[in-house]
Amino acid sequence: MRYFIELSYNGAAYHGWQNQPNDISVQEAVEKALSVLLKETISIMGAGRTDTGVHASQMFAHFDTHVIFNKVNVVYKLNSYLPKDIAIRNIFKVKREAHARFDAKSRTYLYRIALKKDVFSFDNSFYVKQDLNVEKMNEASELLFRYKDFQCFSKSNTDVKTYYCDIMKAKWTIENNELHFVIKADRFLRNMVRAIVGTMINIGLGKIDIEDLHTIIKSKNRSEAGFSVPAHGLYLTEVEYPNDIKIHE
């Protein structure tokens, strides 16, 4: 049977989601725990590949097993076995052909910017000392809906076949002493959100004009876009799937 596993993690101690030859990843930690509990070698496929230091409040992965198990017990035991920075939220049975990565309809990310120095949030948000023009940053965000090719925001050395992404939401809001950027799309390129945020910060600081964003996107050149903000402020917050992939028991 194929199962989906829903989890969250603090990515500070991990070299991203995907398995690495010499570094610890979230995928490796979960695979080891599942393999121990189910007493067979388990491989999982995630909904995406978060980079080193990036967090997830909601991530999904699928795995196959012949073992019949009690899902509630396995969730409890996994959470006991895994380190404190990885939490299993749910395990549920899905259709045999369901795929955590390819069946995802959309993914949503949150980037947190601290507007004031805060001793309790420096590990999970990016502190910007200067005043930001949030109105201009939102105006610039609306321009993203006019485009599909976002090569200018992608890491240079990548093996993707297309740089096309359908952005469904991109908005800045002030939440207490933080500035939050929420962006939703059908897919994201490597480093894309962090590069977009860095470019928007430059617009908010007045370093570049809103209209310059057209030139940046059309250039398809990563060096034309803004800096890449630190990973510790980025969170994968939601992954959406079709309703019919789940098997109701």
Protein backbone atom coordinates (compact mmCIF):
# COMPACT_ATOMS: atom_id res chain seq x y z
CA MET A 1 0.00 0.00 0.00
CA ARG A 2 1.00 3.61 -0.49
CA TYR A 3 0.76 6.09 2.37
CA PHE A 4 1.13 9.83 2.70
CA ILE A 5 2.88 11.15 5.77
CA GLU A 6 2.25 14.73 6.92
CA LEU A 7 4.98 16.36 8.97
CA SER A 8 6.54 19.62 10.08
CA TYR A 9 10.14 20.47 10.89
CA ASN A 10 12.52 23.14 12.00
CA GLY A 11 15.19 23.07 9.30
CA ALA A 12 17.99 24.78 11.23
CA ALA A 13 19.96 21.59 11.90
CA TYR A 14 19.44 20.00 8.47
CA HIS A 15 20.98 20.34 5.04
CA GLY A 16 17.57 20.61 3.43
CA TRP A 17 14.89 18.01 2.86
CA GLN A 18 16.61 15.77 0.32
CA ASN A 19 19.15 13.09 1.17
CA GLN A 20 22.78 14.24 1.00
CA PRO A 21 25.87 12.00 0.75
CA ASN A 22 27.70 13.55 3.71
CA ASP A 23 25.16 15.68 5.55
CA ILE A 24 22.03 14.99 7.57
CA SER A 25 18.69 15.73 5.89
CA VAL A 26 15.08 15.64 7.06
CA GLN A 27 14.33 12.89 4.53
CA GLU A 28 17.10 10.68 5.95
CA ALA A 29 15.91 11.12 9.53
CA VAL A 30 12.32 10.18 8.68
CA GLU A 31 13.34 7.23 6.48
CA LYS A 32 15.51 5.79 9.25
CA ALA A 33 12.73 6.13 11.81
CA LEU A 34 10.12 4.52 9.54
CA SER A 35 12.49 1.70 8.62
CA VAL A 36 13.13 0.90 12.29
CA LEU A 37 9.45 0.93 13.23
CA LEU A 38 8.17 -1.02 10.22
CA LYS A 39 11.19 -3.36 10.21
CA GLU A 40 11.85 -2.94 6.48
CA THR A 41 13.78 -0.46 4.36
CA ILE A 42 11.52 2.52 3.67
CA SER A 43 12.18 5.21 1.08
CA ILE A 44 10.06 8.37 1.02
CA MET A 45 9.37 10.95 -1.69
CA GLY A 46 8.68 14.50 -0.53
CA ALA A 47 6.38 17.13 -1.97
CA GLY A 48 9.38 19.37 -2.60
CA ARG A 49 13.02 20.01 -1.79
CA THR A 50 13.44 22.69 0.84
CA ASP A 51 16.98 24.07 1.02
CA THR A 52 19.40 24.00 3.93
CA GLY A 53 17.94 25.83 6.93
CA VAL A 54 14.43 26.23 5.49
CA HIS A 55 11.51 25.16 7.70
CA ALA A 56 8.17 23.51 7.00
CA SER A 57 4.99 23.80 9.02
CA GLN A 58 3.40 21.41 6.51
CA MET A 59 5.23 18.92 4.32
CA PHE A 60 3.98 15.71 2.75
CA ALA A 61 5.84 12.63 1.57
CA HIS A 62 4.73 9.22 0.32
CA PHE A 63 6.09 5.75 0.98
CA ASP A 64 5.19 2.17 0.08
CA THR A 65 5.08 -0.79 2.43
CA HIS A 66 3.69 -4.31 2.66
CA VAL A 67 3.50 -4.02 6.44
CA ILE A 68 0.07 -3.66 8.01
CA PHE A 69 0.27 -1.22 10.91
CA ASN A 70 -1.82 0.88 13.25
CA LYS A 71 -1.45 4.44 12.01
CA VAL A 72 -2.14 6.10 15.36
CA ASN A 73 0.49 3.95 17.07
CA VAL A 74 3.07 4.57 14.35
CA VAL A 75 2.54 8.35 14.50
CA TYR A 76 3.02 8.22 18.28
CA LYS A 77 6.13 6.02 18.05
CA LEU A 78 7.65 8.09 15.24
CA ASN A 79 7.30 11.26 17.30
CA SER A 80 8.96 9.50 20.24
CA TYR A 81 11.80 8.23 18.05
CA LEU A 82 12.45 11.35 15.96
CA PRO A 83 14.38 14.39 17.27
CA LYS A 84 12.48 17.34 18.73
CA ASP A 85 12.76 19.39 15.51
CA ILE A 86 10.72 16.94 13.38
CA ALA A 87 7.06 16.24 14.16
CA ILE A 88 4.76 13.74 12.44
CA ARG A 89 1.20 15.04 12.18
CA ASN A 90 -0.63 12.32 10.27
CA ILE A 91 -0.31 9.16 8.15
CA PHE A 92 -3.06 8.15 5.75
CA LYS A 93 -3.61 5.66 2.95
CA VAL A 94 -3.75 6.96 -0.64
CA LYS A 95 -4.36 5.56 -4.10
CA ARG A 96 -1.55 3.41 -5.45
CA GLU A 97 -0.57 5.96 -8.12
CA ALA A 98 -0.72 9.01 -5.81
CA HIS A 99 2.53 10.99 -5.79
CA ALA A 100 3.51 13.51 -3.11
CA ARG A 101 5.49 15.66 -5.55
CA PHE A 102 3.74 15.39 -8.89
CA ASP A 103 0.15 15.43 -7.59
CA ALA A 104 0.57 18.61 -5.56
CA LYS A 105 -1.67 21.32 -6.99
CA SER A 106 0.04 24.17 -5.18
CA ARG A 107 2.60 25.05 -2.55
CA THR A 108 2.56 28.07 -0.24
CA TYR A 109 5.56 29.68 1.40
CA LEU A 110 5.86 32.30 4.13
CA TYR A 111 8.86 34.58 4.61
CA ARG A 112 9.18 36.39 7.94
CA ILE A 113 10.99 39.71 8.29
CA ALA A 114 11.49 41.16 11.78
CA LEU A 115 10.95 44.92 11.84
CA LYS A 116 12.38 45.33 15.34
CA LYS A 117 15.30 43.68 17.07
CA ASP A 118 13.85 40.73 18.98
CA VAL A 119 15.96 38.36 21.07
CA PHE A 120 13.32 35.63 20.72
CA SER A 121 12.86 35.68 16.94
CA PHE A 122 16.32 36.13 15.41
CA ASP A 123 16.59 32.38 14.77
CA ASN A 124 13.38 32.21 12.75
CA SER A 125 13.01 35.58 11.01
CA PHE A 126 15.27 37.94 9.06
CA TYR A 127 15.85 41.28 10.81
CA VAL A 128 15.83 44.34 8.52
CA LYS A 129 16.87 47.53 10.32
CA GLN A 130 15.87 50.03 7.63
CA ASP A 131 12.32 51.22 7.01
CA LEU A 132 10.58 49.37 4.17
CA ASN A 133 7.89 50.80 1.91
CA VAL A 134 5.37 47.95 2.15
CA GLU A 135 2.95 49.62 -0.27
CA LYS A 136 5.58 49.61 -3.02
CA MET A 137 6.50 46.01 -2.21
CA ASN A 138 2.88 44.97 -2.67
CA GLU A 139 2.65 46.89 -5.94
CA ALA A 140 5.73 45.04 -7.15
CA SER A 141 4.29 41.71 -6.01
CA GLU A 142 1.24 42.23 -8.22
CA LEU A 143 3.52 42.46 -11.26
CA LEU A 144 4.55 38.84 -10.70
CA PHE A 145 1.09 37.70 -11.88
CA ARG A 146 1.86 39.01 -15.38
CA TYR A 147 4.70 36.53 -15.89
CA LYS A 148 5.30 32.77 -16.05
CA ASP A 149 9.05 32.50 -16.71
CA PHE A 150 10.99 33.18 -13.51
CA GLN A 151 14.48 32.09 -14.54
CA CYS A 152 15.87 35.36 -13.12
CA PHE A 153 14.98 34.14 -9.62
CA SER A 154 16.33 30.61 -10.05
CA LYS A 155 19.65 29.25 -8.89
CA SER A 156 22.02 29.18 -11.89
CA ASN A 157 23.17 25.56 -11.65
CA THR A 158 19.91 23.65 -11.86
CA ASP A 159 18.65 20.81 -14.02
CA VAL A 160 15.02 21.91 -14.45
CA LYS A 161 13.45 21.61 -17.91
CA THR A 162 11.29 24.70 -17.56
CA TYR A 163 11.35 27.90 -15.52
CA TYR A 164 7.59 28.39 -15.84
CA CYS A 165 5.59 28.80 -12.63
CA ASP A 166 1.99 29.86 -12.12
CA ILE A 167 1.94 32.29 -9.18
CA MET A 168 -1.51 32.40 -7.55
CA LYS A 169 -0.81 34.64 -4.57
CA ALA A 170 1.91 37.10 -3.56
CA LYS A 171 1.23 39.53 -0.75
CA TRP A 172 2.96 41.42 2.05
CA THR A 173 1.25 42.02 5.41
CA ILE A 174 2.38 43.46 8.73
CA GLU A 175 1.81 41.10 11.66
CA ASN A 176 2.73 42.71 14.99
CA ASN A 177 6.44 43.52 14.67
CA GLU A 178 6.99 41.37 11.60
CA LEU A 179 6.50 41.76 7.88
CA HIS A 180 5.17 38.58 6.28
CA PHE A 181 5.35 37.64 2.62
CA VAL A 182 3.03 34.84 1.51
CA ILE A 183 3.47 33.39 -1.97
CA LYS A 184 1.54 30.52 -3.54
CA ALA A 185 2.27 28.80 -6.86
CA ASP A 186 1.91 25.47 -8.62
CA ARG A 187 5.68 24.99 -8.35
CA PHE A 188 8.81 26.86 -7.30
CA LEU A 189 12.35 26.96 -8.64
CA ARG A 190 15.39 26.48 -6.42
CA ASN A 191 16.04 29.64 -4.38
CA MET A 192 13.08 31.36 -6.10
CA VAL A 193 11.24 32.64 -3.02
CA ARG A 194 14.38 33.90 -1.32
CA ALA A 195 15.46 35.73 -4.49
CA ILE A 196 12.02 37.29 -4.94
CA VAL A 197 12.02 38.48 -1.31
CA GLY A 198 15.51 39.98 -1.69
CA THR A 199 14.40 41.83 -4.82
CA MET A 200 11.26 43.10 -3.07
CA ILE A 201 13.35 44.35 -0.14
CA ASN A 202 15.47 46.35 -2.59
CA ILE A 203 12.26 47.88 -3.94
CA GLY A 204 11.03 48.59 -0.40
CA LEU A 205 14.33 50.31 0.38
CA GLY A 206 14.14 52.41 -2.80
CA LYS A 207 17.27 50.85 -4.29
CA ILE A 208 15.37 49.87 -7.43
CA ASP A 209 12.08 51.07 -8.91
CA ILE A 210 8.95 48.97 -9.27
CA GLU A 211 9.12 49.23 -13.04
CA ASP A 212 12.64 47.79 -12.98
CA LEU A 213 11.06 44.45 -12.05
CA HIS A 214 9.84 44.04 -15.65
CA THR A 215 13.42 44.34 -16.93
CA ILE A 216 14.72 41.97 -14.27
CA ILE A 217 12.20 39.23 -15.08
CA LYS A 218 12.62 39.60 -18.84
CA SER A 219 16.42 39.39 -18.51
CA LYS A 220 16.18 35.74 -17.29
CA ASN A 221 19.47 36.52 -15.54
CA ARG A 222 19.90 35.71 -11.85
CA SER A 223 22.52 38.43 -11.44
CA GLU A 224 19.96 41.08 -12.41
CA ALA A 225 17.65 40.19 -9.50
CA GLY A 226 18.16 41.05 -5.84
CA PHE A 227 20.09 39.25 -3.14
CA SER A 228 18.94 35.94 -1.69
CA VAL A 229 17.58 36.43 1.83
CA PRO A 230 18.69 34.01 4.59
CA ALA A 231 17.03 30.60 4.72
CA HIS A 232 16.01 30.76 8.39
CA GLY A 233 13.11 33.12 7.67
CA LEU A 234 11.48 30.83 5.08
CA TYR A 235 8.68 28.34 5.79
CA LEU A 236 6.78 25.92 3.58
CA THR A 237 3.31 26.34 5.08
CA GLU A 238 0.87 24.45 2.86
CA VAL A 239 0.78 21.81 0.12
CA GLU A 240 -2.55 21.19 -1.61
CA TYR A 241 -3.68 17.97 -3.31
CA PRO A 242 -6.78 16.80 -5.18
CA ASN A 243 -9.47 15.52 -2.82
CA ASP A 244 -9.69 12.14 -4.50
CA ILE A 245 -6.16 10.83 -3.80
CA LYS A 246 -7.02 9.77 -0.26
CA ILE A 247 -8.56 6.37 0.49
CA HIS A 248 -11.28 6.73 3.10
CA GLU A 249 -11.28 3.81 5.50
